[in-house]
């Protein structure tokens, strides 16, 4: 059947209430974080304004919070270049790049199956 936490090579089990991996899942499951991972993975290093324009609808506050979480978790590097104005670039770390295939596939799946989900929602709402 399943493995116990002690049997897992990492020693972490997200099904356990106090497991720190839940916080990481919270971060990478956030829509703004996942879209930032895909944008940075596809386009490479981006300035803040380029990233903000790539991800339509994200507020300055939410993008800033998302980027800080990603930096704290070691998923991206923030590079500040002293100039006028100051230039700040963001790029995925090698750890962040390991998420790219998973998150990009999830984004593609959502785009591919959105019509099916909409049909299911409509059917559900009609029954309710």
N, C-alpha and C. Protein backbone atom coordinates (compact mmCIF):
# COMPACT_ATOMS: atom_id res chain seq x y z
N UNK A 1 0.84 -1.18 0.00
CA UNK A 1 0.00 0.00 0.00
C UNK A 1 0.88 1.25 0.00
N UNK A 2 0.59 2.23 0.87
CA UNK A 2 1.34 3.47 0.93
C UNK A 2 2.57 3.32 1.78
N UNK A 3 3.42 4.32 1.71
CA UNK A 3 4.62 4.33 2.54
C UNK A 3 4.42 5.28 3.70
N UNK A 4 5.09 4.99 4.79
CA UNK A 4 5.02 5.87 5.95
C UNK A 4 6.06 6.97 5.81
N UNK A 5 5.94 7.98 6.63
CA UNK A 5 6.89 9.08 6.59
C UNK A 5 8.31 8.58 6.80
N UNK A 6 8.47 7.64 7.72
CA UNK A 6 9.80 7.10 8.01
C UNK A 6 10.39 6.38 6.79
N UNK A 7 9.51 5.80 5.93
CA UNK A 7 10.00 5.07 4.76
C UNK A 7 10.30 6.00 3.58
N UNK A 8 9.81 7.23 3.62
CA UNK A 8 10.04 8.18 2.52
C UNK A 8 11.48 8.67 2.59
N UNK A 9 12.13 8.75 1.44
CA UNK A 9 13.52 9.23 1.44
C UNK A 9 13.64 10.64 2.02
N UNK A 10 12.65 11.49 1.78
CA UNK A 10 12.73 12.87 2.28
C UNK A 10 12.32 12.99 3.73
N UNK A 11 11.55 12.01 4.23
CA UNK A 11 11.05 12.09 5.59
C UNK A 11 9.83 12.99 5.74
N UNK A 12 9.34 13.56 4.65
CA UNK A 12 8.19 14.45 4.68
C UNK A 12 6.96 13.74 4.13
N UNK A 13 5.80 14.09 4.67
CA UNK A 13 4.53 13.52 4.21
C UNK A 13 3.47 14.61 4.27
N UNK A 14 3.10 15.13 3.11
CA UNK A 14 2.15 16.24 3.04
C UNK A 14 0.76 15.88 3.54
N UNK A 15 0.47 14.60 3.70
CA UNK A 15 -0.81 14.19 4.26
C UNK A 15 -0.85 14.39 5.78
N UNK A 16 0.32 14.59 6.38
CA UNK A 16 0.42 14.83 7.81
C UNK A 16 0.17 16.31 8.10
N UNK A 17 -0.67 16.59 9.09
CA UNK A 17 -1.12 17.97 9.35
C UNK A 17 0.02 18.96 9.55
N UNK A 18 1.04 18.59 10.25
CA UNK A 18 2.10 19.55 10.59
C UNK A 18 3.30 19.49 9.64
N UNK A 19 3.19 18.77 8.55
CA UNK A 19 4.32 18.64 7.63
C UNK A 19 4.61 19.97 6.93
N UNK A 20 5.85 20.43 6.97
CA UNK A 20 6.19 21.70 6.33
C UNK A 20 5.99 21.69 4.82
N UNK A 21 5.94 20.52 4.22
CA UNK A 21 5.74 20.47 2.76
C UNK A 21 4.37 21.02 2.37
N UNK A 22 3.44 21.09 3.31
CA UNK A 22 2.13 21.69 3.02
C UNK A 22 2.27 23.17 2.69
N UNK A 23 3.16 23.85 3.38
CA UNK A 23 3.38 25.28 3.10
C UNK A 23 3.96 25.46 1.69
N UNK A 24 4.84 24.54 1.31
CA UNK A 24 5.42 24.60 -0.03
C UNK A 24 4.34 24.34 -1.08
N UNK A 25 3.46 23.38 -0.82
CA UNK A 25 2.35 23.11 -1.74
C UNK A 25 1.44 24.33 -1.85
N UNK A 26 1.25 25.02 -0.74
CA UNK A 26 0.47 26.25 -0.74
C UNK A 26 1.08 27.28 -1.69
N UNK A 27 2.39 27.40 -1.63
CA UNK A 27 3.08 28.37 -2.49
C UNK A 27 2.98 27.98 -3.95
N UNK A 28 3.37 26.76 -4.30
CA UNK A 28 3.39 26.39 -5.72
C UNK A 28 1.99 26.18 -6.29
N UNK A 29 0.99 26.01 -5.42
CA UNK A 29 -0.39 25.89 -5.87
C UNK A 29 -1.06 27.22 -6.10
N UNK A 30 -0.40 28.30 -5.73
CA UNK A 30 -0.94 29.65 -5.92
C UNK A 30 -0.91 29.99 -7.41
N UNK A 31 -2.00 30.53 -7.95
CA UNK A 31 -2.06 30.80 -9.40
C UNK A 31 -1.01 31.79 -9.85
N UNK A 32 -0.71 32.81 -9.05
CA UNK A 32 0.26 33.80 -9.48
C UNK A 32 1.66 33.21 -9.47
N UNK A 33 1.97 32.38 -8.48
CA UNK A 33 3.28 31.72 -8.43
C UNK A 33 3.43 30.78 -9.61
N UNK A 34 2.41 29.97 -9.87
CA UNK A 34 2.53 29.01 -10.97
C UNK A 34 2.65 29.73 -12.32
N UNK A 35 1.92 30.82 -12.51
CA UNK A 35 2.05 31.57 -13.77
C UNK A 35 3.41 32.25 -13.87
N UNK A 36 3.95 32.72 -12.76
CA UNK A 36 5.29 33.32 -12.77
C UNK A 36 6.34 32.27 -13.12
N UNK A 37 6.20 31.07 -12.59
CA UNK A 37 7.14 29.98 -12.91
C UNK A 37 7.14 29.71 -14.40
N UNK A 38 5.95 29.61 -15.00
CA UNK A 38 5.87 29.32 -16.43
C UNK A 38 6.42 30.50 -17.24
N UNK A 39 6.05 31.72 -16.88
CA UNK A 39 6.54 32.89 -17.62
C UNK A 39 8.06 32.98 -17.57
N UNK A 40 8.63 32.82 -16.38
CA UNK A 40 10.09 32.90 -16.24
C UNK A 40 10.78 31.71 -16.89
N UNK A 41 10.13 30.55 -16.86
CA UNK A 41 10.71 29.37 -17.48
C UNK A 41 10.74 29.45 -18.99
N UNK A 42 9.73 30.06 -19.56
CA UNK A 42 9.63 30.17 -21.02
C UNK A 42 10.45 31.34 -21.55
N UNK A 43 10.34 32.49 -20.88
CA UNK A 43 10.95 33.72 -21.40
C UNK A 43 12.32 34.02 -20.80
N UNK A 44 12.70 33.28 -19.77
CA UNK A 44 13.99 33.55 -19.13
C UNK A 44 13.87 34.69 -18.14
N UNK A 45 15.01 35.26 -17.73
CA UNK A 45 14.97 36.34 -16.77
C UNK A 45 14.11 37.50 -17.28
N UNK A 46 13.30 38.06 -16.37
CA UNK A 46 12.43 39.17 -16.71
C UNK A 46 12.52 40.26 -15.66
N UNK A 47 12.34 41.49 -16.10
CA UNK A 47 12.20 42.61 -15.17
C UNK A 47 10.81 42.52 -14.57
N UNK A 48 10.63 43.19 -13.44
CA UNK A 48 9.34 43.17 -12.75
C UNK A 48 8.22 43.61 -13.69
N UNK A 49 8.42 44.70 -14.40
CA UNK A 49 7.37 45.23 -15.28
C UNK A 49 7.05 44.27 -16.42
N UNK A 50 8.06 43.57 -16.93
CA UNK A 50 7.84 42.59 -18.00
C UNK A 50 7.02 41.42 -17.47
N UNK A 51 7.35 40.98 -16.27
CA UNK A 51 6.62 39.87 -15.66
C UNK A 51 5.18 40.28 -15.37
N UNK A 52 4.99 41.49 -14.86
CA UNK A 52 3.64 41.98 -14.56
C UNK A 52 2.80 42.08 -15.83
N UNK A 53 3.39 42.50 -16.94
CA UNK A 53 2.61 42.60 -18.17
C UNK A 53 2.36 41.23 -18.79
N UNK A 54 3.23 40.28 -18.52
CA UNK A 54 3.04 38.91 -19.02
C UNK A 54 1.86 38.23 -18.32
N UNK A 55 1.68 38.53 -17.03
CA UNK A 55 0.63 37.89 -16.22
C UNK A 55 -0.50 38.90 -16.03
N UNK A 56 -1.40 38.96 -16.98
CA UNK A 56 -2.50 39.92 -16.91
C UNK A 56 -3.36 39.69 -15.68
N UNK A 57 -3.76 40.79 -15.05
CA UNK A 57 -4.69 40.72 -13.93
C UNK A 57 -4.05 40.64 -12.56
N UNK A 58 -2.76 40.41 -12.49
CA UNK A 58 -2.10 40.34 -11.18
C UNK A 58 -1.85 41.76 -10.68
N UNK A 59 -2.18 41.99 -9.43
CA UNK A 59 -1.92 43.31 -8.84
C UNK A 59 -0.45 43.39 -8.44
N UNK A 60 0.02 44.61 -8.27
CA UNK A 60 1.40 44.83 -7.84
C UNK A 60 1.66 44.14 -6.50
N UNK A 61 0.69 44.26 -5.59
CA UNK A 61 0.82 43.66 -4.26
C UNK A 61 0.93 42.13 -4.36
N UNK A 62 0.07 41.50 -5.15
CA UNK A 62 0.08 40.04 -5.24
C UNK A 62 1.33 39.53 -5.95
N UNK A 63 1.77 40.22 -7.00
CA UNK A 63 2.98 39.79 -7.69
C UNK A 63 4.18 39.93 -6.77
N UNK A 64 4.27 41.02 -6.05
CA UNK A 64 5.38 41.23 -5.11
C UNK A 64 5.39 40.15 -4.04
N UNK A 65 4.23 39.85 -3.46
CA UNK A 65 4.15 38.80 -2.43
C UNK A 65 4.54 37.44 -3.01
N UNK A 66 4.07 37.15 -4.20
CA UNK A 66 4.39 35.87 -4.84
C UNK A 66 5.88 35.74 -5.11
N UNK A 67 6.49 36.78 -5.62
CA UNK A 67 7.92 36.74 -5.91
C UNK A 67 8.74 36.60 -4.63
N UNK A 68 8.31 37.26 -3.57
CA UNK A 68 9.02 37.13 -2.28
C UNK A 68 8.94 35.70 -1.75
N UNK A 69 7.74 35.09 -1.85
CA UNK A 69 7.59 33.69 -1.41
C UNK A 69 8.51 32.78 -2.22
N UNK A 70 8.53 33.00 -3.53
CA UNK A 70 9.36 32.17 -4.40
C UNK A 70 10.84 32.35 -4.08
N UNK A 71 11.25 33.58 -3.83
CA UNK A 71 12.65 33.83 -3.49
C UNK A 71 13.01 33.17 -2.16
N UNK A 72 12.12 33.29 -1.18
CA UNK A 72 12.35 32.69 0.13
C UNK A 72 12.48 31.17 0.04
N UNK A 73 11.68 30.57 -0.84
CA UNK A 73 11.70 29.11 -1.00
C UNK A 73 12.81 28.63 -1.94
N UNK A 74 13.61 29.55 -2.45
CA UNK A 74 14.73 29.16 -3.31
C UNK A 74 14.33 28.85 -4.73
N UNK A 75 13.16 29.35 -5.17
CA UNK A 75 12.68 29.05 -6.51
C UNK A 75 13.12 30.10 -7.53
N UNK A 76 13.46 31.29 -7.07
CA UNK A 76 13.93 32.32 -7.99
C UNK A 76 15.01 33.16 -7.36
N UNK A 77 15.74 33.82 -8.24
CA UNK A 77 16.80 34.74 -7.83
C UNK A 77 16.36 36.13 -8.28
N UNK A 78 16.51 37.08 -7.38
CA UNK A 78 16.21 38.48 -7.66
C UNK A 78 17.55 39.21 -7.74
N UNK A 79 17.81 39.81 -8.89
CA UNK A 79 19.08 40.51 -9.10
C UNK A 79 18.80 41.99 -9.29
N UNK A 80 19.40 42.80 -8.41
CA UNK A 80 19.24 44.26 -8.49
C UNK A 80 20.51 44.83 -9.10
N UNK A 81 20.33 45.59 -10.18
CA UNK A 81 21.45 46.25 -10.84
C UNK A 81 21.35 47.74 -10.57
N UNK A 82 22.36 48.30 -9.90
CA UNK A 82 22.30 49.73 -9.62
C UNK A 82 22.42 50.53 -10.91
N UNK A 83 21.38 51.24 -11.22
CA UNK A 83 21.35 52.11 -12.39
C UNK A 83 20.26 53.14 -12.12
N UNK A 84 20.03 54.01 -13.07
CA UNK A 84 18.95 54.98 -12.91
C UNK A 84 17.96 54.77 -14.04
N UNK A 85 16.76 54.26 -13.78
CA UNK A 85 16.31 53.75 -12.48
C UNK A 85 16.94 52.39 -12.17
N UNK A 86 16.79 51.97 -10.94
CA UNK A 86 17.33 50.67 -10.52
C UNK A 86 16.66 49.57 -11.33
N UNK A 87 17.44 48.61 -11.78
CA UNK A 87 16.91 47.51 -12.57
C UNK A 87 16.87 46.25 -11.70
N UNK A 88 15.71 45.60 -11.67
CA UNK A 88 15.54 44.36 -10.91
C UNK A 88 15.08 43.27 -11.87
N UNK A 89 15.85 42.20 -11.91
CA UNK A 89 15.52 41.05 -12.76
C UNK A 89 15.21 39.84 -11.90
N UNK A 90 14.32 39.01 -12.41
CA UNK A 90 13.93 37.78 -11.72
C UNK A 90 14.18 36.61 -12.66
N UNK A 91 14.74 35.54 -12.10
CA UNK A 91 14.93 34.33 -12.89
C UNK A 91 14.81 33.11 -12.00
N UNK A 92 14.40 32.01 -12.60
CA UNK A 92 14.26 30.77 -11.84
C UNK A 92 15.62 30.22 -11.47
N UNK A 93 15.71 29.65 -10.29
CA UNK A 93 16.91 28.93 -9.86
C UNK A 93 16.86 27.54 -10.47
N UNK A 94 17.94 26.77 -10.36
CA UNK A 94 17.86 25.38 -10.81
C UNK A 94 16.72 24.61 -10.12
N UNK A 95 16.48 24.91 -8.83
CA UNK A 95 15.36 24.27 -8.12
C UNK A 95 14.03 24.70 -8.74
N UNK A 96 13.88 25.98 -9.01
CA UNK A 96 12.65 26.48 -9.64
C UNK A 96 12.43 25.87 -11.01
N UNK A 97 13.51 25.68 -11.75
CA UNK A 97 13.39 25.08 -13.08
C UNK A 97 12.87 23.64 -13.03
N UNK A 98 13.11 22.94 -11.92
CA UNK A 98 12.59 21.56 -11.82
C UNK A 98 11.07 21.55 -11.77
N UNK A 99 10.45 22.65 -11.36
CA UNK A 99 8.99 22.75 -11.32
C UNK A 99 8.39 23.07 -12.69
N UNK A 100 9.18 23.63 -13.58
CA UNK A 100 8.66 24.10 -14.85
C UNK A 100 7.88 23.04 -15.64
N UNK A 101 8.40 21.84 -15.85
CA UNK A 101 7.62 20.86 -16.63
C UNK A 101 6.29 20.52 -15.98
N UNK A 102 6.28 20.41 -14.67
CA UNK A 102 5.06 20.05 -13.95
C UNK A 102 4.02 21.17 -14.04
N UNK A 103 4.43 22.39 -13.74
CA UNK A 103 3.52 23.53 -13.73
C UNK A 103 3.08 23.86 -15.16
N UNK A 104 4.00 23.82 -16.11
CA UNK A 104 3.64 24.11 -17.51
C UNK A 104 2.62 23.09 -18.02
N UNK A 105 2.81 21.83 -17.64
CA UNK A 105 1.86 20.79 -18.06
C UNK A 105 0.49 21.04 -17.43
N UNK A 106 0.46 21.43 -16.17
CA UNK A 106 -0.80 21.72 -15.48
C UNK A 106 -1.51 22.90 -16.15
N UNK A 107 -0.76 23.95 -16.51
CA UNK A 107 -1.33 25.10 -17.22
C UNK A 107 -1.92 24.66 -18.56
N UNK A 108 -1.17 23.86 -19.30
CA UNK A 108 -1.66 23.36 -20.60
C UNK A 108 -2.90 22.50 -20.42
N UNK A 109 -2.91 21.66 -19.39
CA UNK A 109 -4.07 20.81 -19.13
C UNK A 109 -5.30 21.68 -18.87
N UNK A 110 -5.14 22.72 -18.06
CA UNK A 110 -6.26 23.61 -17.75
C UNK A 110 -6.78 24.28 -19.01
N UNK A 111 -5.88 24.74 -19.87
CA UNK A 111 -6.30 25.39 -21.11
C UNK A 111 -7.01 24.40 -22.03
N UNK A 112 -6.48 23.19 -22.11
CA UNK A 112 -7.04 22.16 -22.99
C UNK A 112 -8.42 21.67 -22.52
N UNK A 113 -8.62 21.60 -21.23
CA UNK A 113 -9.85 21.00 -20.69
C UNK A 113 -10.85 22.01 -20.13
N UNK A 114 -10.61 23.30 -20.35
CA UNK A 114 -11.50 24.32 -19.79
C UNK A 114 -12.92 24.17 -20.31
N UNK A 115 -13.10 23.85 -21.58
CA UNK A 115 -14.46 23.68 -22.13
C UNK A 115 -15.18 22.52 -21.43
N UNK A 116 -14.46 21.44 -21.14
CA UNK A 116 -15.06 20.30 -20.43
C UNK A 116 -15.47 20.69 -19.02
N UNK A 117 -14.62 21.46 -18.36
CA UNK A 117 -14.91 21.92 -17.00
C UNK A 117 -16.11 22.86 -17.01
N UNK A 118 -16.15 23.77 -17.98
CA UNK A 118 -17.30 24.67 -18.09
C UNK A 118 -18.59 23.88 -18.29
N UNK A 119 -18.56 22.85 -19.13
CA UNK A 119 -19.75 22.02 -19.37
C UNK A 119 -20.17 21.30 -18.08
N UNK A 120 -19.19 20.79 -17.33
CA UNK A 120 -19.49 20.11 -16.07
C UNK A 120 -20.09 21.09 -15.06
N UNK A 121 -19.56 22.30 -15.01
CA UNK A 121 -20.09 23.31 -14.10
C UNK A 121 -21.53 23.67 -14.46
N UNK A 122 -21.78 23.84 -15.75
CA UNK A 122 -23.13 24.17 -16.20
C UNK A 122 -24.12 23.06 -15.85
N UNK A 123 -23.70 21.81 -16.07
CA UNK A 123 -24.55 20.67 -15.74
C UNK A 123 -24.81 20.59 -14.23
N UNK A 124 -23.79 20.81 -13.45
CA UNK A 124 -23.91 20.78 -12.00
C UNK A 124 -24.87 21.87 -11.53
N UNK A 125 -24.67 23.10 -12.03
CA UNK A 125 -25.51 24.22 -11.63
C UNK A 125 -26.97 24.01 -12.03
N UNK A 126 -27.20 23.34 -13.15
CA UNK A 126 -28.57 23.07 -13.60
C UNK A 126 -29.27 22.09 -12.66
N UNK A 127 -28.50 21.18 -12.07
CA UNK A 127 -29.06 20.20 -11.14
C UNK A 127 -29.32 20.81 -9.76
N UNK A 128 -28.55 21.82 -9.42
CA UNK A 128 -28.63 22.40 -8.06
C UNK A 128 -29.87 23.26 -7.88
